[in-house]
Amino acid sequence: MDEQQNQTPINPNVQQPPPASPEEPMKERVISERVVSEKVLGSSSGIARFGRNVKGQISGRLSGIGLGLLMIIASFVVVWYSEKFEKSADLVAKMPLLSVEQAAGSSGLIKVQGLVTSAPIKSPKDDKDVLYYRHTREELEMVKSTETETKVVTRDGQDIEQTVEKEVEKPEWVSKLDDEKWAEIVLGSKITVKPEVAKQMLNLTNIYSLEEEKVRENIEAVLPTEQLLVVGE
């Protein structure tokens, strides 16, 4: 006698769940749009359109002349700031580089370089010893925004400029975290530095990085083994 195998019967009257489908990619889409204003430009005839094009070109050239004058003024401002920066950089470059011991007994503007002797802090994620870290995290999300565009349509022999307002939804990287922190900074157990209120030019080392389809996370830091160059009073 054959042994009967235990089997679970399938009920044809019960609807089976559909197979799982992969998640759809995030794409830009228009949720709604509406005409918020209209302006009659004039006749849609070829002659009228030609006249409007000529007028528009003349107006554009006049606007270009005005923009050119603004750019000339802006260039003088940039040159002035550049010269000011170069003088400051030249002043710093010519300053003697002091040791911590020499700087501790000096007054006025000094330039000193040395190792940090105060205790470091721990970085997020991997608990590394650092003097400074910046921790950022971004996530890809569908974000709604309002956009405006203009287009020309023809109606009853007239060209009409329409201003169209669109509500769109599109994927954007959204900041979820932007955190930074300094350890207490003391050079050679003699000179205390307040980097939070200083202009900083940092040689940052990437100590953590995560790159996924919808998540980006990064940690950059100043390591305790690096010497700091400090210019100040």
Protein backbone atom coordinates (compact mmCIF):
# COMPACT_ATOMS: atom_id res chain seq x y z
CA MET A 1 0.00 0.00 0.00
CA ASP A 2 1.45 3.40 -1.05
CA GLU A 3 1.85 6.06 1.62
CA GLN A 4 -0.28 9.15 1.03
CA GLN A 5 1.73 12.42 1.09
CA ASN A 6 0.40 15.41 3.07
CA GLN A 7 -0.30 18.35 0.73
CA THR A 8 -1.96 21.72 1.32
CA PRO A 9 -4.88 22.06 -1.09
CA ILE A 10 -5.18 25.25 -3.13
CA ASN A 11 -8.61 26.84 -2.96
CA PRO A 12 -9.43 28.27 -6.39
CA ASN A 13 -12.00 30.62 -4.84
CA VAL A 14 -9.39 32.46 -2.75
CA GLN A 15 -7.51 35.20 -4.61
CA GLN A 16 -3.75 34.79 -4.28
CA PRO A 17 -1.64 37.94 -3.50
CA PRO A 18 0.16 39.42 -6.51
CA PRO A 19 3.91 38.87 -6.69
CA ALA A 20 6.03 41.62 -5.17
CA SER A 21 7.14 44.20 -7.72
CA PRO A 22 10.33 46.25 -7.48
CA GLU A 23 9.94 49.80 -6.20
CA GLU A 24 9.31 52.31 -8.97
CA PRO A 25 12.11 54.82 -9.55
CA MET A 26 11.53 58.37 -8.32
CA LYS A 27 10.65 60.58 -11.28
CA GLU A 28 9.61 64.18 -11.72
CA ARG A 29 5.89 64.64 -12.34
CA VAL A 30 3.48 67.54 -12.80
CA ILE A 31 0.70 67.50 -10.20
CA SER A 32 -1.29 70.44 -11.52
CA GLU A 33 -0.97 73.48 -13.71
CA ARG A 34 -3.03 76.62 -14.28
CA VAL A 35 -2.88 79.84 -16.25
CA VAL A 36 -2.41 82.70 -13.79
CA SER A 37 -2.22 85.61 -16.24
CA GLU A 38 -2.52 86.46 -19.93
CA LYS A 39 -1.09 89.32 -21.98
CA VAL A 40 -2.16 90.13 -25.52
CA LEU A 41 0.97 90.69 -27.61
CA GLY A 42 -0.80 91.69 -30.80
CA SER A 43 -1.82 90.26 -34.14
CA SER A 44 -0.59 86.81 -35.08
CA SER A 45 0.19 87.92 -38.64
CA GLY A 46 3.73 87.51 -39.91
CA ILE A 47 4.34 91.28 -40.27
CA ALA A 48 3.19 92.00 -36.71
CA ARG A 49 5.34 89.20 -35.32
CA PHE A 50 8.36 90.49 -37.26
CA GLY A 51 7.87 93.97 -35.79
CA ARG A 52 7.66 92.58 -32.27
CA ASN A 53 10.84 90.56 -32.80
CA VAL A 54 12.75 93.65 -33.96
CA LYS A 55 11.48 95.62 -30.97
CA GLY A 56 12.48 92.80 -28.64
CA GLN A 57 16.00 92.65 -30.11
CA ILE A 58 16.48 96.40 -29.63
CA SER A 59 15.22 96.17 -26.04
CA GLY A 60 17.53 93.21 -25.40
CA ARG A 61 20.55 95.12 -26.69
CA LEU A 62 19.74 98.12 -24.49
CA SER A 63 19.40 95.78 -21.50
CA GLY A 64 22.73 94.22 -22.45
CA ILE A 65 24.40 97.66 -22.40
CA GLY A 66 23.01 98.29 -18.90
CA LEU A 67 24.18 94.88 -17.74
CA GLY A 68 27.61 95.56 -19.20
CA LEU A 69 27.90 98.79 -17.18
CA LEU A 70 26.97 96.89 -14.01
CA MET A 71 29.58 94.23 -14.80
CA ILE A 72 32.25 96.94 -15.21
CA ILE A 73 31.37 98.38 -11.79
CA ALA A 74 31.35 94.87 -10.27
CA SER A 75 34.79 94.16 -11.77
CA PHE A 76 36.22 97.22 -9.96
CA VAL A 77 34.76 95.92 -6.68
CA VAL A 78 36.27 92.46 -7.28
CA VAL A 79 39.67 93.98 -8.07
CA TRP A 80 39.52 96.07 -4.88
CA TYR A 81 38.71 93.02 -2.73
CA SER A 82 41.39 90.97 -4.54
CA GLU A 83 44.04 93.56 -3.83
CA LYS A 84 42.93 93.75 -0.21
CA PHE A 85 43.13 89.95 0.10
CA GLU A 86 46.54 89.83 -1.59
CA LYS A 87 47.89 92.45 0.82
CA SER A 88 46.59 90.43 3.79
CA ALA A 89 48.00 87.19 2.37
CA ASP A 90 51.33 88.87 1.68
CA LEU A 91 51.41 90.21 5.24
CA VAL A 92 50.79 86.74 6.68
CA ALA A 93 53.37 85.14 4.37
CA LYS A 94 56.07 87.58 5.54
CA MET A 95 55.36 87.04 9.23
CA PRO A 96 57.91 84.85 11.03
CA LEU A 97 56.65 81.39 12.01
CA LEU A 98 57.03 81.03 15.77
CA SER A 99 57.15 77.98 17.95
CA VAL A 100 54.61 77.64 20.75
CA GLU A 101 57.26 78.63 23.31
CA GLN A 102 58.22 81.75 21.32
CA ALA A 103 54.60 82.75 20.70
CA ALA A 104 53.59 82.32 24.34
CA GLY A 105 55.90 85.18 25.31
CA SER A 106 54.95 87.46 22.39
CA SER A 107 52.23 90.07 21.94
CA GLY A 108 50.39 91.54 18.96
CA LEU A 109 49.80 89.72 15.69
CA ILE A 110 51.65 86.38 15.56
CA LYS A 111 51.88 83.26 13.40
CA VAL A 112 52.40 80.04 15.32
CA GLN A 113 52.36 76.34 14.45
CA GLY A 114 52.17 73.40 16.82
CA LEU A 115 50.47 70.21 17.92
CA VAL A 116 47.27 70.26 19.94
CA THR A 117 47.94 68.97 23.45
CA SER A 118 44.38 69.20 24.78
CA ALA A 119 42.08 66.14 24.79
CA PRO A 120 40.37 65.23 21.49
CA ILE A 121 36.69 64.42 21.08
CA LYS A 122 35.08 61.30 19.62
CA SER A 123 33.60 61.34 16.14
CA PRO A 124 30.15 59.88 15.43
CA LYS A 125 29.74 56.37 13.99
CA ASP A 126 33.24 54.99 14.64
CA ASP A 127 34.37 56.86 17.80
CA LYS A 128 37.67 58.09 16.34
CA ASP A 129 39.77 60.68 18.14
CA VAL A 130 39.44 63.99 16.28
CA LEU A 131 39.96 67.69 16.91
CA TYR A 132 36.99 68.67 14.73
CA TYR A 133 34.30 66.90 12.73
CA ARG A 134 31.47 67.77 10.40
CA HIS A 135 28.74 65.14 10.05
CA THR A 136 26.23 65.47 7.19
CA ARG A 137 23.39 63.23 6.05
CA GLU A 138 21.08 63.66 3.06
CA GLU A 139 18.10 61.60 1.94
CA LEU A 140 16.47 61.50 -1.48
CA GLU A 141 12.82 62.50 -1.21
CA MET A 142 9.99 63.60 -3.46
CA VAL A 143 9.67 67.35 -2.92
CA LYS A 144 6.82 69.53 -4.10
CA SER A 145 7.53 72.97 -5.54
CA THR A 146 5.88 75.62 -7.67
CA GLU A 147 7.37 76.61 -11.02
CA THR A 148 6.35 79.37 -13.43
CA GLU A 149 6.83 79.44 -17.17
CA THR A 150 5.58 81.58 -20.06
CA LYS A 151 4.35 80.45 -23.45
CA VAL A 152 2.68 82.08 -26.43
CA VAL A 153 -0.61 80.76 -27.78
CA THR A 154 -2.75 81.99 -30.69
CA ARG A 155 -6.42 82.72 -30.14
CA ASP A 156 -8.84 84.57 -32.46
CA GLY A 157 -5.96 85.91 -34.59
CA GLN A 158 -4.05 87.27 -31.59
CA ASP A 159 -0.79 86.13 -30.02
CA ILE A 160 -1.30 85.81 -26.28
CA GLU A 161 1.49 85.35 -23.74
CA GLN A 162 0.37 83.09 -20.92
CA THR A 163 2.02 82.76 -17.53
CA VAL A 164 1.53 79.17 -16.37
CA GLU A 165 2.01 78.09 -12.76
CA LYS A 166 2.87 74.43 -12.25
CA GLU A 167 2.95 72.38 -9.09
CA VAL A 168 5.60 69.72 -9.60
CA GLU A 169 7.02 66.92 -7.51
CA LYS A 170 10.56 65.75 -8.13
CA PRO A 171 13.34 63.89 -6.32
CA GLU A 172 15.75 66.11 -4.39
CA TRP A 173 18.46 65.53 -1.82
CA VAL A 174 17.15 66.86 1.50
CA SER A 175 19.52 67.65 4.36
CA LYS A 176 18.64 65.65 7.46
CA LEU A 177 21.75 66.38 9.51
CA ASP A 178 24.52 68.98 9.42
CA ASP A 179 26.43 68.91 12.67
CA GLU A 180 29.94 70.11 13.50
CA LYS A 181 31.93 70.21 16.71
CA TRP A 182 35.36 71.34 17.91
CA ALA A 183 37.41 69.93 20.73
CA GLU A 184 39.07 72.35 23.11
CA ILE A 185 42.16 73.58 21.26
CA VAL A 186 45.34 74.26 23.24
CA LEU A 187 48.72 74.41 21.46
CA GLY A 188 51.65 73.02 23.42
CA SER A 189 49.77 73.37 26.73
CA LYS A 190 50.38 77.14 26.48
CA ILE A 191 48.15 78.82 23.86
CA THR A 192 44.35 78.52 23.83
CA VAL A 193 42.67 78.92 20.43
CA LYS A 194 38.98 79.63 19.75
CA PRO A 195 38.45 78.20 16.23
CA GLU A 196 34.66 78.70 16.33
CA VAL A 197 35.09 82.47 15.94
CA ALA A 198 38.02 82.32 13.50
CA LYS A 199 38.23 82.17 9.74
CA GLN A 200 39.01 78.54 9.11
CA MET A 201 41.00 76.89 6.32
CA LEU A 202 40.93 73.22 7.27
CA ASN A 203 42.70 70.20 5.84
CA LEU A 204 39.82 67.77 6.34
CA THR A 205 40.15 63.99 6.23
CA ASN A 206 37.18 61.85 5.25
CA ILE A 207 36.72 59.25 8.02
CA TYR A 208 33.26 57.93 7.14
CA SER A 209 31.27 57.76 3.91
CA LEU A 210 27.97 56.09 2.99
CA GLU A 211 26.55 56.23 -0.53
CA GLU A 212 23.26 54.44 -1.19
CA GLU A 213 20.43 54.94 -3.64
CA LYS A 214 18.49 57.23 -1.29
CA VAL A 215 20.98 58.05 1.45
CA ARG A 216 24.27 59.97 1.49
CA GLU A 217 26.21 60.33 4.71
CA ASN A 218 29.65 61.80 5.28
CA ILE A 219 31.99 62.66 8.15
CA GLU A 220 35.09 64.83 7.66
CA ALA A 221 37.51 65.60 10.46
CA VAL A 222 40.76 67.19 11.59
CA LEU A 223 42.94 64.49 13.12
CA PRO A 224 44.99 64.97 16.33
CA THR A 225 48.21 64.12 14.49
CA GLU A 226 47.99 67.25 12.33
CA GLN A 227 49.70 70.48 13.33
CA LEU A 228 47.64 73.64 13.31
CA LEU A 229 48.85 76.91 11.84
CA VAL A 230 47.26 79.84 13.68
CA VAL A 231 47.48 83.56 12.89
CA GLY A 232 45.99 86.04 15.33
CA GLU A 233 46.35 88.36 18.28
